[in-house]
C-alpha atoms as a PDB file:
ATOM      1  CA  MET A   1       0.141   0.464  -0.256  1.00  0.00           C
ATOM      2  CA  ILE A   2       0.985   3.507  -0.644  1.00  0.00           C
ATOM      3  CA  ARG A   3       0.773   5.939   1.460  1.00  0.00           C
ATOM      4  CA  LEU A   4       0.960   9.390   0.062  1.00  0.00           C
ATOM      5  CA  PRO A   5       1.962  12.645   1.987  1.00  0.00           C
ATOM      6  CA  SER A   6      -0.114  14.724   4.493  1.00  0.00           C
ATOM      7  CA  ILE A   7      -0.061  17.574   2.776  1.00  0.00           C
ATOM      8  CA  LEU A   8      -0.401  16.042  -0.534  1.00  0.00           C
ATOM      9  CA  LEU A   9      -3.644  14.356   1.201  1.00  0.00           C
ATOM     10  CA  ALA A  10      -5.341  17.842   2.329  1.00  0.00           C
ATOM     11  CA  THR A  11      -4.485  18.897  -1.345  1.00  0.00           C
ATOM     12  CA  PHE A  12      -5.990  16.277  -3.339  1.00  0.00           C
ATOM     13  CA  SER A  13      -9.290  17.110  -0.310  1.00  0.00           C
ATOM     14  CA  LEU A  14      -9.458  20.235  -1.182  1.00  0.00           C
ATOM     15  CA  LEU A  15      -9.454  20.459  -4.541  1.00  0.00           C
ATOM     16  CA  ALA A  16     -12.420  17.383  -4.248  1.00  0.00           C
ATOM     17  CA  TRP A  17     -13.831  19.891  -2.574  1.00  0.00           C
ATOM     18  CA  GLY A  18     -13.831  22.268  -5.721  1.00  0.00           C
ATOM     19  CA  GLN A  19     -11.497  24.798  -3.003  1.00  0.00           C
ATOM     20  CA  THR A  20      -8.342  25.838  -4.423  1.00  0.00           C
ATOM     21  CA  PRO A  21      -4.877  25.249  -1.583  1.00  0.00           C
ATOM     22  CA  LYS A  22      -3.890  29.135  -0.246  1.00  0.00           C
ATOM     23  CA  PRO A  23       0.160  29.790  -1.190  1.00  0.00           C
ATOM     24  CA  ALA A  24       2.325  30.052   1.576  1.00  0.00           C
ATOM     25  CA  ALA A  25       2.725  33.751   2.881  1.00  0.00           C
ATOM     26  CA  PRO A  26       5.535  35.094   1.452  1.00  0.00           C
ATOM     27  CA  GLN A  27       8.729  35.270   3.490  1.00  0.00           C
ATOM     28  CA  PRO A  28       9.709  39.281   4.535  1.00  0.00           C
ATOM     29  CA  ARG A  29      12.954  40.970   3.313  1.00  0.00           C
ATOM     30  CA  LEU A  30      15.937  41.041   4.965  1.00  0.00           C
ATOM     31  CA  LYS A  31      16.169  44.895   5.842  1.00  0.00           C
ATOM     32  CA  VAL A  32      19.970  46.526   6.344  1.00  0.00           C
ATOM     33  CA  MET A  33      19.481  49.809   7.472  1.00  0.00           C
ATOM     34  CA  VAL A  34      21.959  51.884   5.874  1.00  0.00           C
ATOM     35  CA  ASP A  35      23.707  54.231   7.650  1.00  0.00           C
ATOM     36  CA  PRO A  36      26.113  57.291   6.224  1.00  0.00           C
ATOM     37  CA  GLY A  37      27.943  59.049   8.202  1.00  0.00           C
ATOM     38  CA  HIS A  38      27.865  62.762   9.353  1.00  0.00           C
ATOM     39  CA  GLY A  39      25.961  65.130   7.104  1.00  0.00           C
ATOM     40  CA  GLY A  40      24.686  68.575   6.982  1.00  0.00           C
ATOM     41  CA  ASP A  41      26.740  71.168   9.310  1.00  0.00           C
ATOM     42  CA  ASP A  42      28.595  68.224  10.574  1.00  0.00           C
ATOM     43  CA  GLY A  43      31.132  67.495   7.750  1.00  0.00           C
ATOM     44  CA  GLY A  44      33.349  64.639   9.125  1.00  0.00           C
ATOM     45  CA  ALA A  45      37.317  65.083   8.026  1.00  0.00           C
ATOM     46  CA  LYS A  46      38.622  65.969   4.793  1.00  0.00           C
ATOM     47  CA  GLY A  47      40.779  65.241   2.202  1.00  0.00           C
ATOM     48  CA  PRO A  48      43.982  66.672   0.950  1.00  0.00           C
ATOM     49  CA  LYS A  49      41.603  67.271  -2.116  1.00  0.00           C
ATOM     50  CA  GLY A  50      38.882  69.071  -0.189  1.00  0.00           C
ATOM     51  CA  LEU A  51      36.267  65.502  -0.385  1.00  0.00           C
ATOM     52  CA  LYS A  52      34.056  65.382   2.509  1.00  0.00           C
ATOM     53  CA  GLU A  53      34.123  62.826   4.979  1.00  0.00           C
ATOM     54  CA  LYS A  54      29.954  63.072   4.693  1.00  0.00           C
ATOM     55  CA  THR A  55      30.104  63.659   0.887  1.00  0.00           C
ATOM     56  CA  ALA A  56      31.839  60.156  -0.050  1.00  0.00           C
ATOM     57  CA  ALA A  57      30.164  58.462   3.066  1.00  0.00           C
ATOM     58  CA  LEU A  58      26.875  58.986   1.690  1.00  0.00           C
ATOM     59  CA  GLU A  59      27.967  58.625  -2.097  1.00  0.00           C
ATOM     60  CA  ILE A  60      28.749  55.333  -0.623  1.00  0.00           C
ATOM     61  CA  GLY A  61      25.900  54.723   1.493  1.00  0.00           C
ATOM     62  CA  LYS A  62      23.240  55.171  -1.675  1.00  0.00           C
ATOM     63  CA  ALA A  63      25.605  52.042  -3.731  1.00  0.00           C
ATOM     64  CA  VAL A  64      26.014  50.069  -0.988  1.00  0.00           C
ATOM     65  CA  ALA A  65      21.656  50.573  -0.480  1.00  0.00           C
ATOM     66  CA  ALA A  66      21.268  50.154  -4.343  1.00  0.00           C
ATOM     67  CA  ARG A  67      23.620  46.950  -4.343  1.00  0.00           C
ATOM     68  CA  LEU A  68      22.126  45.156  -1.201  1.00  0.00           C
ATOM     69  CA  GLU A  69      18.386  46.157  -3.109  1.00  0.00           C
ATOM     70  CA  SER A  70      19.508  44.425  -6.777  1.00  0.00           C
ATOM     71  CA  ALA A  71      20.721  41.038  -4.285  1.00  0.00           C
ATOM     72  CA  GLY A  72      17.396  41.021  -3.116  1.00  0.00           C
ATOM     73  CA  PHE A  73      17.829  42.347   0.174  1.00  0.00           C
ATOM     74  CA  GLN A  74      15.435  45.276   1.589  1.00  0.00           C
ATOM     75  CA  ALA A  75      17.430  48.828   2.148  1.00  0.00           C
ATOM     76  CA  VAL A  76      16.440  51.521   3.903  1.00  0.00           C
ATOM     77  CA  LEU A  77      18.922  54.633   4.198  1.00  0.00           C
ATOM     78  CA  THR A  78      19.154  56.682   7.929  1.00  0.00           C
ATOM     79  CA  ARG A  79      20.429  60.299   5.051  1.00  0.00           C
ATOM     80  CA  ASP A  80      19.187  60.508   1.583  1.00  0.00           C
ATOM     81  CA  ASP A  81      21.051  63.648   1.453  1.00  0.00           C
ATOM     82  CA  ASP A  82      23.201  66.587   3.103  1.00  0.00           C
ATOM     83  CA  THR A  83      21.259  66.084   6.746  1.00  0.00           C
ATOM     84  CA  PHE A  84      22.410  66.414   9.589  1.00  0.00           C
ATOM     85  CA  ILE A  85      20.798  63.070  11.648  1.00  0.00           C
ATOM     86  CA  PRO A  86      21.908  63.192  15.843  1.00  0.00           C
ATOM     87  CA  LEU A  87      24.309  59.750  16.949  1.00  0.00           C
ATOM     88  CA  TRP A  88      22.141  58.760  19.684  1.00  0.00           C
ATOM     89  CA  ASP A  89      19.081  58.818  17.065  1.00  0.00           C
ATOM     90  CA  ARG A  90      20.285  57.319  14.359  1.00  0.00           C
ATOM     91  CA  ALA A  91      19.842  53.645  15.860  1.00  0.00           C
ATOM     92  CA  LYS A  92      16.408  54.736  16.651  1.00  0.00           C
ATOM     93  CA  VAL A  93      15.249  54.912  12.740  1.00  0.00           C
ATOM     94  CA  ALA A  94      16.840  51.485  12.365  1.00  0.00           C
ATOM     95  CA  ASN A  95      14.496  50.192  15.540  1.00  0.00           C
ATOM     96  CA  ALA A  96      11.398  52.255  13.947  1.00  0.00           C
ATOM     97  CA  GLN A  97      12.066  50.300  10.810  1.00  0.00           C
ATOM     98  CA  GLY A  98      12.457  46.655  12.348  1.00  0.00           C
ATOM     99  CA  ALA A  99      15.816  46.850  10.627  1.00  0.00           C
ATOM    100  CA  ASP A 100      17.591  43.186  10.848  1.00  0.00           C
ATOM    101  CA  LEU A 101      20.939  45.055  11.043  1.00  0.00           C
ATOM    102  CA  PHE A 102      23.057  47.829  11.344  1.00  0.00           C
ATOM    103  CA  ILE A 103      25.874  49.495   9.016  1.00  0.00           C
ATOM    104  CA  SER A 104      27.192  52.832   9.383  1.00  0.00           C
ATOM    105  CA  LEU A 105      29.767  53.853   6.653  1.00  0.00           C
ATOM    106  CA  HIS A 106      32.868  56.302   7.693  1.00  0.00           C
ATOM    107  CA  LEU A 107      36.083  57.525   6.410  1.00  0.00           C
ATOM    108  CA  ASN A 108      38.994  57.216   8.450  1.00  0.00           C
ATOM    109  CA  ALA A 109      41.776  60.179   8.460  1.00  0.00           C
ATOM    110  CA  ALA A 110      45.130  60.468  10.272  1.00  0.00           C
ATOM    111  CA  ARG A 111      48.279  62.356  10.554  1.00  0.00           C
ATOM    112  CA  ALA A 112      50.572  60.525   8.903  1.00  0.00           C
ATOM    113  CA  LYS A 113      49.475  61.125   5.095  1.00  0.00           C
ATOM    114  CA  ALA A 114      50.332  57.253   4.397  1.00  0.00           C
ATOM    115  CA  ALA A 115      47.909  55.490   6.515  1.00  0.00           C
ATOM    116  CA  ARG A 116      45.386  53.591   4.896  1.00  0.00           C
ATOM    117  CA  GLY A 117      42.830  50.240   4.331  1.00  0.00           C
ATOM    118  CA  SER A 118      39.828  49.524   5.727  1.00  0.00           C
ATOM    119  CA  GLU A 119      38.574  47.979   9.307  1.00  0.00           C
ATOM    120  CA  VAL A 120      35.676  46.866  10.851  1.00  0.00           C
ATOM    121  CA  PHE A 121      34.198  47.747  14.095  1.00  0.00           C
ATOM    122  CA  PHE A 122      31.489  46.455  16.488  1.00  0.00           C
ATOM    123  CA  LEU A 123      30.530  47.996  20.065  1.00  0.00           C
ATOM    124  CA  SER A 124      32.285  48.281  22.503  1.00  0.00           C
ATOM    125  CA  LEU A 125      31.072  48.991  26.623  1.00  0.00           C
ATOM    126  CA  GLY A 126      34.911  48.669  27.850  1.00  0.00           C
ATOM    127  CA  LYS A 127      37.099  51.488  25.792  1.00  0.00           C
ATOM    128  CA  GLY A 128      37.554  49.522  22.561  1.00  0.00           C
ATOM    129  CA  ASP A 129      40.574  49.318  20.689  1.00  0.00           C
ATOM    130  CA  ASP A 130      41.039  52.260  18.500  1.00  0.00           C
ATOM    131  CA  GLU A 131      40.322  55.915  21.375  1.00  0.00           C
ATOM    132  CA  ASP A 132      41.564  58.012  18.589  1.00  0.00           C
ATOM    133  CA  VAL A 133      38.901  57.122  15.548  1.00  0.00           C
ATOM    134  CA  VAL A 134      35.955  56.994  17.924  1.00  0.00           C
ATOM    135  CA  ALA A 135      37.358  59.886  19.553  1.00  0.00           C
ATOM    136  CA  VAL A 136      36.915  61.653  15.900  1.00  0.00           C
ATOM    137  CA  GLU A 137      33.864  59.497  15.586  1.00  0.00           C
ATOM    138  CA  ASN A 138      32.106  60.688  18.578  1.00  0.00           C
ATOM    139  CA  ALA A 139      33.132  64.380  18.354  1.00  0.00           C
ATOM    140  CA  GLY A 140      30.219  65.395  17.518  1.00  0.00           C
ATOM    141  CA  ALA A 141      27.694  63.566  19.227  1.00  0.00           C
ATOM    142  CA  GLY A 142      27.661  66.336  22.356  1.00  0.00           C
ATOM    143  CA  ALA A 143      26.993  64.725  26.335  1.00  0.00           C
ATOM    144  CA  ALA A 144      24.020  62.860  26.774  1.00  0.00           C
ATOM    145  CA  PRO A 145      21.252  63.553  27.997  1.00  0.00           C
ATOM    146  CA  GLY A 146      21.213  64.037  32.434  1.00  0.00           C
ATOM    147  CA  SER A 147      18.169  62.880  33.354  1.00  0.00           C
ATOM    148  CA  ALA A 148      17.059  60.634  34.954  1.00  0.00           C
ATOM    149  CA  ASP A 149      15.431  59.000  32.164  1.00  0.00           C
ATOM    150  CA  SER A 150      18.143  59.239  30.439  1.00  0.00           C
ATOM    151  CA  VAL A 151      20.536  57.338  32.474  1.00  0.00           C
ATOM    152  CA  VAL A 152      17.949  54.343  32.520  1.00  0.00           C
ATOM    153  CA  ALA A 153      17.771  54.795  28.484  1.00  0.00           C
ATOM    154  CA  SER A 154      21.229  54.744  28.034  1.00  0.00           C
ATOM    155  CA  ILE A 155      21.733  51.584  30.252  1.00  0.00           C
ATOM    156  CA  LEU A 156      19.177  49.757  28.302  1.00  0.00           C
ATOM    157  CA  ASP A 157      20.808  50.965  25.091  1.00  0.00           C
ATOM    158  CA  ASP A 158      23.623  49.091  26.441  1.00  0.00           C
ATOM    159  CA  LEU A 159      22.340  46.195  26.453  1.00  0.00           C
ATOM    160  CA  ALA A 160      20.068  46.229  23.465  1.00  0.00           C
ATOM    161  CA  GLN A 161      23.126  45.937  21.715  1.00  0.00           C
ATOM    162  CA  LYS A 162      25.469  43.827  24.342  1.00  0.00           C
ATOM    163  CA  ALA A 163      22.980  40.465  22.917  1.00  0.00           C
ATOM    164  CA  PHE A 164      23.913  41.302  19.669  1.00  0.00           C
ATOM    165  CA  LEU A 165      27.300  41.642  20.102  1.00  0.00           C
ATOM    166  CA  GLN A 166      28.796  38.301  18.956  1.00  0.00           C
ATOM    167  CA  ASP A 167      26.633  38.300  15.828  1.00  0.00           C
ATOM    168  CA  SER A 168      28.045  41.522  15.089  1.00  0.00           C
ATOM    169  CA  GLU A 169      31.321  40.726  15.636  1.00  0.00           C
ATOM    170  CA  ARG A 170      30.552  37.680  12.715  1.00  0.00           C
ATOM    171  CA  LEU A 171      29.200  40.655  10.320  1.00  0.00           C
ATOM    172  CA  ALA A 172      32.206  42.395  10.593  1.00  0.00           C
ATOM    173  CA  VAL A 173      34.311  40.094  10.341  1.00  0.00           C
ATOM    174  CA  ALA A 174      32.418  39.033   7.094  1.00  0.00           C
ATOM    175  CA  VAL A 175      32.334  42.519   5.866  1.00  0.00           C
ATOM    176  CA  GLN A 176      36.230  42.967   6.555  1.00  0.00           C
ATOM    177  CA  GLY A 177      36.942  39.898   4.692  1.00  0.00           C
ATOM    178  CA  GLN A 178      35.092  41.086   1.735  1.00  0.00           C
ATOM    179  CA  LEU A 179      36.021  45.185   1.531  1.00  0.00           C
ATOM    180  CA  ASN A 180      39.806  43.303   2.004  1.00  0.00           C
ATOM    181  CA  ARG A 181      39.485  40.953  -1.289  1.00  0.00           C
ATOM    182  CA  LEU A 182      36.766  42.727  -4.227  1.00  0.00           C
ATOM    183  CA  ALA A 183      37.977  45.957  -3.504  1.00  0.00           C
ATOM    184  CA  GLY A 184      41.632  45.942  -2.617  1.00  0.00           C
ATOM    185  CA  ILE A 185      41.557  47.761   0.174  1.00  0.00           C
ATOM    186  CA  LYS A 186      44.183  47.016   3.151  1.00  0.00           C
ATOM    187  CA  GLU A 187      43.124  45.105   5.331  1.00  0.00           C
ATOM    188  CA  ARG A 188      43.240  46.427   9.248  1.00  0.00           C
ATOM    189  CA  GLY A 189      41.491  44.033  10.691  1.00  0.00           C
ATOM    190  CA  VAL A 190      37.663  43.462  13.001  1.00  0.00           C
ATOM    191  CA  LYS A 191      38.523  45.856  16.762  1.00  0.00           C
ATOM    192  CA  GLN A 192      35.790  46.860  18.811  1.00  0.00           C
ATOM    193  CA  ALA A 193      35.316  50.301  20.323  1.00  0.00           C
ATOM    194  CA  PRO A 194      32.296  52.317  22.128  1.00  0.00           C
ATOM    195  CA  PHE A 195      30.392  54.350  19.144  1.00  0.00           C
ATOM    196  CA  ILE A 196      27.669  55.974  20.168  1.00  0.00           C
ATOM    197  CA  VAL A 197      26.082  55.155  16.847  1.00  0.00           C
ATOM    198  CA  LEU A 198      25.576  51.525  17.168  1.00  0.00           C
ATOM    199  CA  ARG A 199      24.581  52.172  21.171  1.00  0.00           C
ATOM    200  CA  GLY A 200      20.573  51.879  21.806  1.00  0.00           C
ATOM    201  CA  ALA A 201      20.970  49.362  18.273  1.00  0.00           C
ATOM    202  CA  ALA A 202      18.485  46.141  18.611  1.00  0.00           C
ATOM    203  CA  MET A 203      20.030  44.378  15.581  1.00  0.00           C
ATOM    204  CA  PRO A 204      23.739  43.314  14.427  1.00  0.00           C
ATOM    205  CA  ALA A 205      25.198  46.439  14.216  1.00  0.00           C
ATOM    206  CA  VAL A 206      29.163  48.132  12.570  1.00  0.00           C
ATOM    207  CA  LEU A 207      30.536  50.472  12.028  1.00  0.00           C
ATOM    208  CA  VAL A 208      32.798  50.112   8.250  1.00  0.00           C
ATOM    209  CA  GLU A 209      35.878  53.024   7.820  1.00  0.00           C
ATOM    210  CA  VAL A 210      35.904  52.246   4.603  1.00  0.00           C
ATOM    211  CA  ALA A 211      39.382  53.855   3.690  1.00  0.00           C
ATOM    212  CA  PHE A 212      41.539  56.603   4.465  1.00  0.00           C
ATOM    213  CA  ILE A 213      40.121  60.104   3.353  1.00  0.00           C
ATOM    214  CA  SER A 214      43.398  61.810   4.596  1.00  0.00           C
ATOM    215  CA  ASN A 215      45.767  60.092   2.283  1.00  0.00           C
ATOM    216  CA  PRO A 216      45.895  60.922  -1.101  1.00  0.00           C
ATOM    217  CA  LYS A 217      45.333  57.973  -3.580  1.00  0.00           C
ATOM    218  CA  GLU A 218      42.603  56.582  -1.255  1.00  0.00           C
ATOM    219  CA  GLU A 219      40.522  60.289  -2.010  1.00  0.00           C
ATOM    220  CA  GLU A 220      41.155  59.762  -5.446  1.00  0.00           C
ATOM    221  CA  LYS A 221      39.949  55.960  -5.224  1.00  0.00           C
ATOM    222  CA  LEU A 222      36.391  57.654  -2.904  1.00  0.00           C
ATOM    223  CA  LYS A 223      35.249  59.871  -5.669  1.00  0.00           C
ATOM    224  CA  ASP A 224      35.520  57.015  -8.259  1.00  0.00           C
ATOM    225  CA  ALA A 225      32.381  55.589  -8.568  1.00  0.00           C
ATOM    226  CA  ALA A 226      33.672  52.644 -10.130  1.00  0.00           C
ATOM    227  CA  PHE A 227      36.113  52.154  -6.343  1.00  0.00           C
ATOM    228  CA  ARG A 228      32.476  52.621  -4.997  1.00  0.00           C
ATOM    229  CA  ALA A 229      30.964  50.230  -6.696  1.00  0.00           C
ATOM    230  CA  LYS A 230      33.589  47.758  -5.329  1.00  0.00           C
ATOM    231  CA  VAL A 231      33.005  48.395  -1.728  1.00  0.00           C
ATOM    232  CA  ALA A 232      29.083  48.324  -2.765  1.00  0.00           C
ATOM    233  CA  GLU A 233      29.506  44.769  -3.409  1.00  0.00           C
ATOM    234  CA  ALA A 234      31.835  44.189  -0.695  1.00  0.00           C
ATOM    235  CA  ILE A 235      29.618  44.869   1.887  1.00  0.00           C
ATOM    236  CA  THR A 236      26.627  42.885  -0.108  1.00  0.00           C
ATOM    237  CA  LEU A 237      28.222  39.700  -0.032  1.00  0.00           C
ATOM    238  CA  GLY A 238      29.617  40.401   3.436  1.00  0.00           C
ATOM    239  CA  VAL A 239      26.276  40.369   4.403  1.00  0.00           C
ATOM    240  CA  ARG A 240      24.877  37.899   2.084  1.00  0.00           C
ATOM    241  CA  ARG A 241      27.744  35.438   3.945  1.00  0.00           C
ATOM    242  CA  TYR A 242      27.138  36.772   7.134  1.00  0.00           C
ATOM    243  CA  PHE A 243      23.233  35.481   6.753  1.00  0.00           C
ATOM    244  CA  ALA A 244      24.079  32.202   4.929  1.00  0.00           C
ATOM    245  CA  GLU A 245      26.667  31.450   8.264  1.00  0.00           C
ATOM    246  CA  THR A 246      23.893  32.227  10.969  1.00  0.00           C
ATOM    247  CA  ASN A 247      21.073  30.917   8.607  1.00  0.00           C
ATOM    248  CA  GLY A 248      18.383  33.737   9.535  1.00  0.00           C
ATOM    249  CA  SER A 249      19.145  32.860  13.170  1.00  0.00           C
ATOM    250  CA  VAL A 250      18.742  36.905  14.155  1.00  0.00           C
ATOM    251  CA  ARG A 251      15.726  37.323  12.701  1.00  0.00           C
ATOM    252  CA  ARG A 252      13.972  34.497  14.759  1.00  0.00           C
ATOM    253  CA  ARG A 253      15.323  35.095  17.864  1.00  0.00           C
ATOM    254  CA  MET A 254      14.355  38.757  17.565  1.00  0.00           C
ATOM    255  CA  VAL A 255      10.655  37.657  16.962  1.00  0.00           C
ATOM    256  CA  GLY A 256      11.074  35.754  19.425  1.00  0.00           C
ATOM    257  CA  GLY A 257      11.027  31.920  18.132  1.00  0.00           C
ATOM    258  CA  PRO A 258      13.837  29.364  18.425  1.00  0.00           C
ATOM    259  CA  GLY A 259      17.225  30.729  18.103  1.00  0.00           C
END
C-alpha cells in the first residue's frame, strides 16, 4: 500500500471540494539599515584635495543600498541627502524601521598621510581598540542627556546591543574579509570600540571605516564611482555571507522564535 504524504492528502481533499489551496505567505525581505556618517553641518574629516567625509559616505551609502536591493534585500538609508542626524538617534531610526542589520559608513583620517586601509568595528562597552578614531567619530554627539530617564535609557541602549555583540562581530568579520578581497583595500582588521552610533541598536550593528580620506591615493579612489561600486559589492557579499553563516537565526530571535 502506498502512503501519500499528509500535505498531498490535504491538497487532494481541497481540490475534491473545489477549493484551491492558499499559497504560503511570502517571507519578508531581510532589511538592512545603511547609515552614511555625518551630514549637514557635520562634515566629518576632509581629504587633502577637499573631499568631505559626509559627501563620500553618502555616495558610498547610496551605492551600497542600491546593490543590496539588487541582491534581494530591503535597504533603507538613514539619510539620502545632506542632512544631519544626531548620533544618538541613528540606531533609533533602525529600531523603528525593524531593521535586521545596521551598517554605519565612515571614512578614516590620520595625521600620517601614508595611513591606509579599511577596518570594521563592532560595539565595545569598555574603552575599545582605537581611541583616536572613536574620539573623531563621537565628536559630534555632544554630551548625553543627564536626566534620570536618560540614564536609564542609556543603560537599556547598552543592554540592547550587548545581546547582539557576537552576531555583530560575525558581521564585521564577514564584511572586512570582502572589502579586502574585492575592493583591494588593505585590511586593518576587525576591532571593538564604544561608538555612540552603535549603542541602542536592537540588531547586529557595525561601523565600517571604508578607507582613509586623509590618504591622497585613497581620496582619489573615493571619488571614483567604479571603486564605490566595488565597496558596495564587497559589503553586500559580506552581508550575504553573514546571513548564510547564521542561517537567519538572528531574525528568529528577534521575533521571539527559537534561536
